[in-house]
Amino acid sequence: MRAIGGSSNNENQGLEYEQGLNEHLASRSQRLVYFQNNGRVLFTFLVIAEFSLALAGFVPGMTSYDQHFSVVDELVEFEGYSADNQGIMYVDSGARIYARNYIKKGNIGSKLLFQATLNYEKRHYTPYRVGRDFLEFAQGGVQTEFSTFVKGLRLKGDLSPYEKAILKYVKSPINSDGFRSVEFEDIPSKKQKIFLLGDSFTWGSGVENLSSSFADDLTSRGFLVYNSGIVGVNLPQYYEVARKYISTVKPDIVVLNLFLGNDIAEHRIELKPFYPQYYNTNAGTLMSAPHGKYAKNAEDAYARMIDQTMIPKGMSWVNYASSQTRISTLLWRAFAKMGIIGNVGSKESEDYWNFVNQSKVGYTVNAEILEDIKSICEKNQCKLIVSIIPERDNLGVSKSLVDKMVGNFPWVRITNLTKQDYAPDHHFNESGNRKYAEFLHQICDSNIKTK
């Protein structure tokens, strides 16, 4: 009987064990199914998120974004600019000769084909467009006050040196010094001479045809205009240009066109002889010395930009792993901001921020450069006018803010601009250039000395 009872207990224990095992296996199976289902959901979410970030333009490993910079497989540098023995940027001889010859040939062709050809030949569009723009101007494709003015000159018989200089300019729009201007020389004239200092606004960016720029519009208003505007430069170049050319040109007025968007600085970077201030590449415009030390070449400038925008892979396995996907890159950025990840950049990035912090002397650096330019003007007996160009999205900039930016240096500002006077690239369009030319006309008239 005991044996029978013992057997029954063993059977019960066996059943209980089997039941418990089945329950354990069922529970484990349920957990596996749960994790599998949630794993699929998570995986799907991550794939969708990664794909969405890719569509939004995020790049694995890139921690900061600049709309003017992109990572490329192979860097291509475009021709068009050089720097002289004072570090002054100018349009190089290749683009100057190209413009003159393009006008001579007289075949304007398709604009899209023109742009594609320049890109294939590794030539930058901005300086090389000059020839096509002025051929269109010569063929009557542009109707402006300046075109009417030039037509009148062509009908005249006996031309003055000033008028001859204008007609030479429209045939060869880049002068021998590499600026879109008449020659930088003391041209005999009864006209009042205006020397323009500036960047892309003064060059003429934003218009369909460069002859519609305010510099050429001013010429049609009875002034002899010298235009030293070059895309991408700022106050240090303005100073060097003034120092080099004003004594030769002998203008009555120097107009410094100061764009509040990017001409203002909190630290001063000196120009370096024969080193361009930037490189035009397929990765974007690469600044030569964003942290005070000039890059050796375009490749070096690109490497520095990569250093400042990408996770430094070589510093740890965490950095390397984080740089492989867009999601992990975003997590790395978040952890870096919270201080969880120690080093957020390489030595180059540290050098950059050290330079910015140590050399940040405030906006007084702008007033110092303006005073230096004013001294040059006074020495050469010409009037300096600082004309403020407001940003499209901040047309009503306050006097106190401008005074802060230029250190209470005297200035004037156009007040009748609207957002409709700006092109999509935030430069003046045709109407903006006309308004600004009219504004400068009035300002210069009120400051002109009697010859």
Protein backbone atom coordinates (compact mmCIF):
# COMPACT_ATOMS: atom_id res chain seq x y z
CA MET A 1 0.00 0.00 0.00
CA ARG A 2 2.89 2.31 0.84
CA ALA A 3 4.47 1.51 -2.45
CA ILE A 4 1.28 2.36 -4.21
CA GLY A 5 0.97 5.64 -2.24
CA GLY A 6 4.57 6.57 -3.02
CA SER A 7 4.02 5.93 -6.68
CA SER A 8 0.97 8.21 -6.61
CA ASN A 9 3.00 11.00 -5.00
CA ASN A 10 5.70 10.65 -7.59
CA GLU A 11 3.12 10.82 -10.33
CA ASN A 12 1.65 13.99 -8.81
CA GLN A 13 5.07 15.54 -8.49
CA GLY A 14 5.79 14.62 -12.08
CA LEU A 15 2.57 16.18 -13.24
CA GLU A 16 3.27 19.33 -11.22
CA TYR A 17 6.78 19.54 -12.64
CA GLU A 18 5.51 19.01 -16.16
CA GLN A 19 2.81 21.60 -15.62
CA GLY A 20 5.31 24.10 -14.20
CA LEU A 21 7.69 23.43 -17.07
CA ASN A 22 4.92 23.96 -19.58
CA GLU A 23 3.91 27.19 -17.86
CA HIS A 24 7.54 28.35 -17.83
CA LEU A 25 7.97 27.50 -21.49
CA ALA A 26 4.69 29.20 -22.34
CA SER A 27 5.70 32.30 -20.38
CA ARG A 28 9.11 32.29 -22.02
CA SER A 29 7.48 31.86 -25.40
CA GLN A 30 5.16 34.77 -24.68
CA ARG A 31 8.14 36.92 -23.67
CA LEU A 32 9.99 35.94 -26.82
CA VAL A 33 6.96 36.78 -28.92
CA TYR A 34 6.64 40.08 -27.03
CA PHE A 35 10.28 40.97 -27.60
CA GLN A 36 10.12 39.81 -31.19
CA ASN A 37 7.05 41.90 -31.90
CA ASN A 38 8.43 44.94 -30.11
CA GLY A 39 11.81 44.34 -31.69
CA ARG A 40 10.21 44.41 -35.12
CA VAL A 41 8.35 47.60 -34.19
CA LEU A 42 11.56 49.17 -32.87
CA PHE A 43 13.55 48.06 -35.90
CA THR A 44 10.87 49.41 -38.24
CA PHE A 45 10.82 52.68 -36.30
CA LEU A 46 14.61 53.01 -36.47
CA VAL A 47 14.64 52.26 -40.20
CA ILE A 48 11.90 54.83 -40.82
CA ALA A 49 13.66 57.36 -38.58
CA GLU A 50 17.01 56.81 -40.31
CA PHE A 51 15.36 57.13 -43.72
CA SER A 52 13.48 60.28 -42.65
CA LEU A 53 16.68 61.85 -41.33
CA ALA A 54 18.37 61.03 -44.63
CA LEU A 55 15.57 62.76 -46.54
CA ALA A 56 15.92 65.75 -44.22
CA GLY A 57 19.59 66.04 -45.18
CA PHE A 58 21.23 64.60 -42.07
CA VAL A 59 24.61 62.96 -42.63
CA PRO A 60 26.05 60.16 -40.42
CA GLY A 61 28.79 61.59 -38.23
CA MET A 62 28.00 65.26 -38.93
CA THR A 63 27.34 67.17 -35.71
CA SER A 64 26.73 70.66 -37.06
CA TYR A 65 25.28 71.88 -40.32
CA ASP A 66 26.08 74.76 -42.65
CA GLN A 67 23.84 75.32 -45.67
CA HIS A 68 26.94 76.33 -47.63
CA PHE A 69 28.94 73.19 -46.83
CA SER A 70 28.53 69.52 -47.71
CA VAL A 71 30.68 66.40 -47.43
CA VAL A 72 32.01 65.20 -50.80
CA ASP A 73 33.76 62.06 -52.00
CA GLU A 74 36.37 64.04 -53.93
CA LEU A 75 37.10 67.73 -53.44
CA VAL A 76 37.09 69.93 -56.55
CA GLU A 77 38.39 73.51 -56.40
CA PHE A 78 36.91 76.02 -58.84
CA GLU A 79 38.95 78.71 -60.59
CA GLY A 80 38.07 82.38 -60.54
CA TYR A 81 39.81 84.23 -57.72
CA SER A 82 43.34 84.95 -56.52
CA ALA A 83 45.00 86.99 -53.77
CA ASP A 84 47.73 89.58 -54.30
CA ASN A 85 50.81 90.43 -52.23
CA GLN A 86 48.61 92.16 -49.66
CA GLY A 87 46.09 89.34 -49.42
CA ILE A 88 43.47 91.28 -51.43
CA MET A 89 41.03 88.96 -53.22
CA TYR A 90 40.43 89.74 -56.88
CA VAL A 91 39.07 88.10 -60.03
CA ASP A 92 41.99 86.22 -61.60
CA SER A 93 43.40 86.84 -65.06
CA GLY A 94 41.76 83.69 -66.45
CA ALA A 95 38.26 84.95 -65.66
CA ARG A 96 39.15 88.48 -66.82
CA ILE A 97 40.39 87.30 -70.22
CA TYR A 98 37.49 84.83 -70.52
CA ALA A 99 34.98 87.67 -70.04
CA ARG A 100 36.60 89.89 -72.65
CA ASN A 101 36.86 87.08 -75.21
CA TYR A 102 33.29 85.89 -74.57
CA ILE A 103 31.99 89.37 -75.38
CA LYS A 104 34.13 89.53 -78.52
CA LYS A 105 32.81 86.22 -79.86
CA GLY A 106 29.23 87.46 -79.67
CA ASN A 107 27.60 84.04 -79.25
CA ILE A 108 25.57 84.15 -76.06
CA GLY A 109 24.17 80.58 -76.20
CA SER A 110 22.08 78.79 -73.60
CA LYS A 111 22.50 79.85 -69.99
CA LEU A 112 22.10 76.27 -68.73
CA LEU A 113 24.74 75.04 -71.16
CA PHE A 114 26.99 77.93 -70.12
CA GLN A 115 26.68 76.98 -66.44
CA ALA A 116 27.22 73.28 -67.17
CA THR A 117 30.33 74.06 -69.21
CA LEU A 118 31.80 76.19 -66.44
CA ASN A 119 31.15 73.44 -63.91
CA TYR A 120 32.78 70.84 -66.16
CA GLU A 121 35.80 73.10 -66.65
CA LYS A 122 36.05 73.68 -62.87
CA ARG A 123 35.35 77.40 -63.17
CA HIS A 124 33.29 79.25 -60.59
CA TYR A 125 30.11 80.79 -61.93
CA THR A 126 30.26 84.12 -60.06
CA PRO A 127 33.39 85.61 -61.68
CA TYR A 128 32.93 83.80 -64.99
CA ARG A 129 29.34 84.96 -65.53
CA VAL A 130 30.60 88.49 -66.19
CA GLY A 131 31.31 87.89 -69.88
CA ARG A 132 27.90 86.40 -70.62
CA ASP A 133 26.09 89.13 -68.67
CA PHE A 134 27.83 91.92 -70.56
CA LEU A 135 27.39 90.21 -73.93
CA GLU A 136 23.66 90.11 -73.19
CA PHE A 137 23.95 93.80 -72.26
CA ALA A 138 25.78 94.59 -75.53
CA GLN A 139 23.15 92.74 -77.58
CA GLY A 140 20.32 94.81 -76.07
CA GLY A 141 18.99 92.11 -73.78
CA VAL A 142 19.01 94.42 -70.75
CA GLN A 143 16.98 97.62 -70.53
CA THR A 144 18.14 99.84 -67.68
CA GLU A 145 19.20 103.43 -67.05
CA PHE A 146 22.77 102.27 -67.53
CA SER A 147 22.04 100.65 -70.91
CA THR A 148 20.36 103.86 -72.09
CA PHE A 149 23.35 105.85 -70.86
CA VAL A 150 25.82 103.63 -72.75
CA LYS A 151 23.74 103.80 -75.96
CA GLY A 152 23.99 107.57 -75.76
CA LEU A 153 27.77 107.42 -75.42
CA ARG A 154 28.05 105.21 -78.50
CA LEU A 155 26.25 107.83 -80.56
CA LYS A 156 28.64 110.60 -79.53
CA GLY A 157 31.54 111.59 -81.73
CA ASP A 158 34.13 113.24 -79.50
CA LEU A 159 34.45 111.28 -76.27
CA SER A 160 36.05 112.43 -73.02
CA PRO A 161 38.53 110.17 -71.14
CA TYR A 162 35.69 109.39 -68.69
CA GLU A 163 33.34 108.33 -71.50
CA LYS A 164 36.05 106.27 -73.16
CA ALA A 165 36.66 104.52 -69.83
CA ILE A 166 32.96 103.57 -69.61
CA LEU A 167 32.89 102.14 -73.14
CA LYS A 168 36.07 100.20 -72.45
CA TYR A 169 34.48 98.85 -69.27
CA VAL A 170 31.43 97.38 -71.03
CA LYS A 171 33.73 95.62 -73.52
CA SER A 172 36.12 94.36 -70.84
CA PRO A 173 34.20 94.47 -67.53
CA ILE A 174 37.02 93.15 -65.31
CA ASN A 175 39.79 95.72 -65.04
CA SER A 176 43.52 94.95 -64.94
CA ASP A 177 43.45 94.81 -61.12
CA GLY A 178 40.73 92.14 -61.14
CA PHE A 179 37.65 94.19 -60.21
CA ARG A 180 34.36 94.69 -62.08
CA SER A 181 35.07 98.33 -62.74
CA VAL A 182 36.71 100.94 -64.90
CA GLU A 183 40.48 100.97 -64.46
CA PHE A 184 41.76 102.00 -61.04
CA GLU A 185 43.55 105.11 -62.24
CA ASP A 186 43.08 108.85 -61.99
CA ILE A 187 40.79 109.27 -64.99
CA PRO A 188 40.55 112.93 -66.05
CA SER A 189 36.93 113.99 -65.59
CA LYS A 190 34.67 116.80 -64.47
CA LYS A 191 32.41 114.11 -63.00
CA GLN A 192 32.48 113.47 -59.28
CA LYS A 193 34.47 110.34 -58.47
CA ILE A 194 33.02 107.70 -56.16
CA PHE A 195 35.05 104.73 -54.95
CA LEU A 196 32.90 101.83 -53.71
CA LEU A 197 34.10 99.43 -51.02
CA GLY A 198 32.01 96.33 -50.41
CA ASP A 199 31.28 92.64 -50.81
CA SER A 200 28.77 90.68 -52.90
CA PHE A 201 26.15 93.47 -52.69
CA THR A 202 28.61 95.88 -54.28
CA TRP A 203 29.73 93.25 -56.80
CA GLY A 204 26.11 92.85 -57.96
CA SER A 205 24.96 89.47 -56.65
CA GLY A 206 21.19 88.99 -56.72
CA VAL A 207 20.40 90.52 -60.13
CA GLU A 208 19.73 88.65 -63.36
CA ASN A 209 22.37 90.73 -65.14
CA LEU A 210 25.31 92.37 -63.39
CA SER A 211 24.85 95.59 -65.35
CA SER A 212 21.68 96.13 -63.27
CA SER A 213 23.75 96.58 -60.10
CA PHE A 214 23.71 99.82 -58.13
CA ALA A 215 27.35 100.50 -59.10
CA ASP A 216 26.43 100.71 -62.80
CA ASP A 217 23.20 102.55 -62.00
CA LEU A 218 25.24 105.21 -60.18
CA THR A 219 27.41 105.59 -63.28
CA SER A 220 24.32 106.41 -65.35
CA ARG A 221 23.46 109.13 -62.82
CA GLY A 222 26.51 111.20 -63.73
CA PHE A 223 29.24 109.87 -61.42
CA LEU A 224 32.57 108.28 -62.25
CA VAL A 225 32.28 105.07 -60.24
CA TYR A 226 35.14 102.79 -59.23
CA ASN A 227 33.80 99.47 -57.96
CA SER A 228 36.00 97.29 -55.71
CA GLY A 229 33.21 94.93 -54.59
CA ILE A 230 34.23 91.27 -54.35
CA VAL A 231 32.03 88.42 -53.15
CA GLY A 232 32.80 87.03 -49.70
CA VAL A 233 35.13 89.71 -48.33
CA ASN A 234 34.72 92.10 -45.41
CA LEU A 235 36.36 94.93 -43.47
CA PRO A 236 40.00 93.72 -43.53
CA GLN A 237 39.85 93.65 -47.35
CA TYR A 238 38.12 97.04 -47.47
CA TYR A 239 41.02 98.50 -45.50
CA GLU A 240 43.70 96.96 -47.72
CA VAL A 241 41.88 98.02 -50.89
CA ALA A 242 41.58 101.58 -49.58
CA ARG A 243 45.25 101.61 -48.62
CA LYS A 244 46.33 100.36 -52.05
CA TYR A 245 44.08 102.23 -54.47
CA ILE A 246 42.64 105.46 -53.04
CA SER A 247 45.85 107.45 -53.45
CA THR A 248 45.94 106.38 -57.11
CA VAL A 249 42.28 106.91 -57.98
CA LYS A 250 41.90 110.18 -56.04
CA PRO A 251 38.12 109.93 -55.49
CA ASP A 252 35.93 112.68 -54.09
CA ILE A 253 33.91 110.23 -51.99
CA VAL A 254 34.55 106.72 -50.70
CA VAL A 255 31.35 104.79 -49.97
CA LEU A 256 31.84 101.79 -47.70
CA ASN A 257 28.79 99.55 -48.13
CA LEU A 258 28.55 97.68 -44.85
CA PHE A 259 26.23 94.66 -44.82
CA LEU A 260 25.14 93.84 -41.27
CA GLY A 261 24.72 90.16 -42.14
CA ASN A 262 28.39 89.19 -42.39
CA ASP A 263 30.65 92.26 -42.55
CA ILE A 264 30.61 92.67 -38.77
CA ALA A 265 33.19 90.82 -36.68
CA GLU A 266 34.17 90.45 -33.03
CA HIS A 267 37.77 89.53 -33.77
CA ARG A 268 40.24 90.66 -36.40
CA ILE A 269 41.93 88.36 -38.89
CA GLU A 270 44.79 89.89 -40.84
CA LEU A 271 45.04 89.19 -44.56
CA LYS A 272 47.99 87.06 -45.64
CA PRO A 273 49.93 87.78 -48.85
CA PHE A 274 48.96 85.49 -51.75
CA TYR A 275 46.52 83.48 -49.59
CA PRO A 276 42.86 83.71 -50.67
CA GLN A 277 40.35 84.44 -47.94
CA TYR A 278 38.27 81.47 -49.09
CA TYR A 279 38.20 78.63 -51.61
CA ASN A 280 35.26 77.90 -53.93
CA THR A 281 34.77 74.13 -54.09
CA ASN A 282 32.12 71.51 -54.78
CA ALA A 283 31.82 71.18 -50.98
CA GLY A 284 30.94 74.86 -50.71
CA THR A 285 32.86 78.00 -49.87
CA LEU A 286 35.67 77.10 -47.47
CA MET A 287 37.09 79.91 -45.36
CA SER A 288 40.88 79.99 -45.23
CA ALA A 289 41.42 81.19 -41.68
CA PRO A 290 38.32 80.77 -39.50
CA HIS A 291 40.54 80.41 -36.42
CA GLY A 292 43.35 82.78 -37.30
CA LYS A 293 45.71 80.28 -38.93
CA TYR A 294 45.54 80.13 -42.71
CA ALA A 295 44.95 76.80 -44.41
CA LYS A 296 47.70 75.68 -46.79
CA ASN A 297 45.26 75.03 -49.61
CA ALA A 298 41.66 74.02 -50.35
CA GLU A 299 42.25 70.44 -49.15
CA ASP A 300 43.54 71.72 -45.82
CA ALA A 301 40.58 74.09 -45.46
CA TYR A 302 38.19 71.21 -46.22
CA ALA A 303 39.90 68.97 -43.64
CA ARG A 304 39.50 71.68 -41.01
CA MET A 305 35.85 72.09 -41.88
CA ILE A 306 35.32 68.35 -41.55
CA ASP A 307 37.09 68.48 -38.21
CA GLN A 308 34.72 71.15 -36.92
CA THR A 309 31.52 69.53 -38.21
CA MET A 310 32.08 65.77 -37.86
CA ILE A 311 32.43 63.38 -34.90
CA PRO A 312 36.20 62.84 -34.44
CA LYS A 313 36.28 59.10 -35.21
CA GLY A 314 39.85 58.46 -34.16
CA MET A 315 39.41 59.51 -30.56
CA SER A 316 37.46 56.48 -29.25
CA TRP A 317 35.42 53.46 -30.32
CA VAL A 318 32.30 55.26 -29.04
CA ASN A 319 32.91 58.09 -31.50
CA TYR A 320 33.55 55.67 -34.33
CA ALA A 321 30.39 53.66 -33.62
CA SER A 322 28.29 56.81 -33.17
CA SER A 323 29.36 58.15 -36.54
CA GLN A 324 27.95 55.17 -38.47
CA THR A 325 24.27 56.15 -38.45
CA ARG A 326 22.25 59.34 -38.30
CA ILE A 327 20.36 58.30 -35.17
CA SER A 328 23.52 57.45 -33.24
CA THR A 329 25.00 60.75 -34.39
CA LEU A 330 22.05 62.64 -32.90
CA LEU A 331 22.45 60.71 -29.65
CA TRP A 332 26.17 61.55 -29.62
CA ARG A 333 25.36 65.24 -30.07
CA ALA A 334 22.90 65.11 -27.16
CA PHE A 335 25.39 63.34 -24.88
CA ALA A 336 28.15 65.76 -25.88
CA LYS A 337 25.98 68.76 -24.99
CA MET A 338 25.22 67.18 -21.61
CA GLY A 339 28.92 66.62 -20.99
CA ILE A 340 28.58 62.84 -20.83
CA ILE A 341 31.02 62.47 -23.71
CA GLY A 342 34.25 64.20 -22.81
CA ASN A 343 35.91 65.35 -26.02
CA VAL A 344 33.50 66.79 -28.56
CA GLY A 345 36.11 67.68 -31.15
CA SER A 346 39.72 67.27 -32.09
CA LYS A 347 42.62 69.59 -31.44
CA GLU A 348 41.69 71.66 -34.51
CA SER A 349 38.25 72.38 -33.05
CA GLU A 350 39.80 73.30 -29.70
CA ASP A 351 42.19 75.67 -31.48
CA TYR A 352 39.24 77.29 -33.26
CA TRP A 353 37.23 77.99 -30.12
CA ASN A 354 40.33 79.09 -28.20
CA PHE A 355 41.04 81.60 -30.94
CA VAL A 356 37.47 82.90 -30.97
CA ASN A 357 37.33 83.29 -27.19
CA GLN A 358 40.80 84.77 -26.75
CA SER A 359 40.59 87.18 -29.70
CA LYS A 360 37.02 88.32 -29.14
CA VAL A 361 37.64 91.98 -28.45
CA GLY A 362 34.05 92.91 -29.16
CA TYR A 363 32.54 95.01 -31.90
CA THR A 364 35.14 97.75 -31.29
CA VAL A 365 37.34 95.99 -33.85
CA ASN A 366 34.98 97.22 -36.58
CA ALA A 367 35.27 100.83 -35.45
CA GLU A 368 39.06 100.46 -35.37
CA ILE A 369 39.15 99.35 -39.02
CA LEU A 370 36.69 102.08 -40.00
CA GLU A 371 38.90 104.66 -38.30
CA ASP A 372 41.90 103.31 -40.22
CA ILE A 373 40.00 103.69 -43.50
CA LYS A 374 38.86 107.17 -42.49
CA SER A 375 42.50 108.16 -41.88
CA ILE A 376 43.39 107.00 -45.40
CA CYS A 377 40.53 109.07 -46.82
CA GLU A 378 41.51 112.17 -44.84
CA LYS A 379 45.11 111.82 -45.98
CA ASN A 380 43.88 111.73 -49.58
CA GLN A 381 41.34 114.53 -49.08
CA CYS A 382 38.22 112.52 -49.80
CA LYS A 383 35.03 112.01 -47.81
CA LEU A 384 34.21 108.61 -46.26
CA ILE A 385 30.55 107.56 -46.08
CA VAL A 386 29.64 104.35 -44.26
CA SER A 387 26.34 103.14 -45.69
CA ILE A 388 24.55 100.38 -43.80
CA ILE A 389 22.88 97.62 -45.83
CA PRO A 390 20.24 95.91 -43.66
CA GLU A 391 19.41 92.22 -43.74
CA ARG A 392 16.20 91.25 -45.51
CA ASP A 393 14.65 89.90 -42.31
CA ASN A 394 15.73 92.84 -40.15
CA LEU A 395 15.00 95.93 -42.23
CA GLY A 396 14.13 98.01 -39.19
CA VAL A 397 17.46 97.52 -37.42
CA SER A 398 17.78 99.97 -34.54
CA LYS A 399 20.28 102.81 -34.31
CA SER A 400 21.54 101.52 -30.97
CA LEU A 401 22.32 98.11 -32.46
CA VAL A 402 24.19 99.59 -35.43
CA ASP A 403 26.09 101.93 -33.10
CA LYS A 404 27.09 98.92 -31.04
CA MET A 405 28.28 97.02 -34.10
CA VAL A 406 30.36 99.88 -35.55
CA GLY A 407 31.43 101.47 -32.28
CA ASN A 408 29.48 104.72 -32.72
CA PHE A 409 31.21 105.41 -36.05
CA PRO A 410 29.07 107.80 -38.18
CA TRP A 411 26.86 106.00 -40.69
CA VAL A 412 23.83 106.38 -42.96
CA ARG A 413 21.13 103.83 -43.83
CA ILE A 414 18.55 103.38 -46.55
CA THR A 415 15.03 103.24 -45.08
CA ASN A 416 12.62 102.54 -47.94
CA LEU A 417 13.54 98.91 -48.65
CA THR A 418 11.01 96.07 -48.40
CA LYS A 419 11.47 92.31 -48.51
CA GLN A 420 10.38 92.45 -52.15
CA ASP A 421 13.61 94.33 -52.92
CA TYR A 422 15.68 91.25 -52.09
CA ALA A 423 16.40 88.21 -54.25
CA PRO A 424 15.96 84.67 -52.87
CA ASP A 425 19.68 84.61 -52.04
CA HIS A 426 19.09 87.65 -49.73
CA HIS A 427 20.96 90.14 -51.96
CA PHE A 428 19.32 93.13 -53.62
CA ASN A 429 17.29 92.29 -56.70
CA GLU A 430 16.79 94.81 -59.53
CA SER A 431 14.38 97.01 -57.56
CA GLY A 432 16.62 96.89 -54.49
CA ASN A 433 19.61 97.99 -56.55
CA ARG A 434 17.64 100.87 -58.09
CA LYS A 435 16.49 102.09 -54.68
CA TYR A 436 19.97 101.81 -53.23
CA ALA A 437 21.52 103.66 -56.19
CA GLU A 438 18.98 106.46 -55.73
CA PHE A 439 19.80 106.57 -52.02
CA LEU A 440 23.56 106.79 -52.65
CA HIS A 441 22.93 109.41 -55.34
CA GLN A 442 21.18 111.63 -52.80
CA ILE A 443 23.77 111.00 -50.09
CA CYS A 444 26.70 111.69 -52.40
CA ASP A 445 25.07 114.82 -53.81
CA SER A 446 24.71 116.20 -50.30
CA ASN A 447 28.37 115.47 -49.50
CA ILE A 448 30.00 116.51 -52.78
CA LYS A 449 32.62 119.19 -52.68
CA THR A 450 32.84 121.70 -55.51
CA LYS A 451 35.63 120.96 -57.94
